[in-house]
Protein backbone atom coordinates (compact mmCIF):
# COMPACT_ATOMS: atom_id res chain seq x y z
CA MET A 1 -115.93 74.69 82.12
CA THR A 2 -113.10 77.08 81.51
CA GLU A 3 -112.67 79.01 78.25
CA PRO A 4 -110.81 77.24 75.33
CA ALA A 5 -107.72 79.54 75.70
CA ASP A 6 -107.46 78.44 79.39
CA PHE A 7 -107.13 74.70 78.44
CA THR A 8 -104.10 72.72 79.00
CA PRO A 9 -102.76 71.08 75.66
CA VAL A 10 -104.39 67.78 75.36
CA ALA A 11 -100.84 66.23 74.74
CA GLU A 12 -99.81 67.35 78.21
CA LEU A 13 -102.62 65.57 80.10
CA ASP A 14 -102.34 62.34 81.83
CA TYR A 15 -105.12 59.78 81.62
CA GLU A 16 -107.18 60.92 84.59
CA GLN A 17 -106.93 64.51 83.66
CA ALA A 18 -108.15 63.83 80.10
CA ARG A 19 -110.78 61.56 81.39
CA ASP A 20 -112.21 64.13 83.92
CA GLU A 21 -112.09 66.89 81.48
CA LEU A 22 -113.84 64.79 78.91
CA ALA A 23 -116.70 64.02 81.47
CA ASP A 24 -116.96 67.87 82.03
CA VAL A 25 -117.15 68.39 78.30
CA VAL A 26 -119.96 65.86 77.89
CA THR A 27 -121.78 67.40 80.76
CA THR A 28 -121.51 70.94 79.43
CA LEU A 29 -122.73 69.77 75.86
CA GLU A 30 -125.64 67.91 77.42
CA ARG A 31 -126.67 70.89 79.34
CA GLY A 32 -126.96 72.88 76.16
CA GLY A 33 -127.20 76.54 76.12
CA LEU A 34 -124.01 77.19 74.12
CA GLY A 35 -123.90 78.91 70.64
CA LEU A 36 -122.84 76.86 67.69
CA ASP A 37 -119.20 78.03 67.63
CA ALA A 38 -118.75 77.27 71.19
CA SER A 39 -120.43 73.93 71.07
CA LEU A 40 -118.30 72.95 67.95
CA SER A 41 -115.13 74.04 69.83
CA LEU A 42 -116.14 71.98 72.83
CA TRP A 43 -116.93 68.96 70.74
CA GLU A 44 -113.54 69.19 68.98
CA ARG A 45 -111.80 69.31 72.44
CA GLY A 46 -113.85 66.40 73.51
CA GLU A 47 -112.80 64.36 70.46
CA ALA A 48 -109.03 65.23 71.14
CA LEU A 49 -109.58 64.25 74.92
CA ALA A 50 -111.22 60.92 73.88
CA LYS A 51 -108.29 60.13 71.52
CA ARG A 52 -105.86 61.02 74.35
CA CYS A 53 -107.47 58.54 76.70
CA THR A 54 -107.39 55.91 74.15
CA GLU A 55 -103.62 56.54 73.56
CA HIS A 56 -103.01 56.34 77.25
CA LEU A 57 -105.00 52.91 77.49
CA GLU A 58 -103.33 51.55 74.55
CA GLY A 59 -100.01 52.27 75.98
CA ALA A 60 -100.89 50.72 79.29
CA ARG A 61 -102.10 47.64 77.35
CA THR A 62 -98.69 47.49 75.46
CA ARG A 63 -96.90 47.75 78.84
CA ILE A 64 -99.03 45.06 80.37
CA GLU A 65 -98.49 42.58 77.33
CA ALA A 66 -94.83 43.21 77.42
CA ALA A 67 -94.62 42.48 81.07
CA LEU A 68 -96.65 39.24 80.62
CA ASN A 69 -94.50 38.21 77.71
CA SER A 70 -91.39 38.85 79.78
CA ASP A 71 -92.87 36.67 82.56
CA GLU A 72 -93.55 33.71 80.17
CA ASP A 73 -90.06 33.99 78.64
CA GLU A 74 -88.50 33.75 82.17
CA ASP A 75 -90.66 30.64 82.92
CA ASP A 76 -89.22 28.86 79.82
């Protein structure tokens, strides 16, 4: 894991980047050995990454639903 100052802003990450970094955060936290402040910072980063993943997935769902509705409209 890199230092928090080296992190790319969460808003700039695509789904795969956020997912992969979140997996790294979880692994690091599970391994333990960090101080309280470092653990809390990493936990907060993980929460932000999880939220970003959800945003990407919701956006994909919206696009799929729109495409399906568009196909249904064309069939009518």
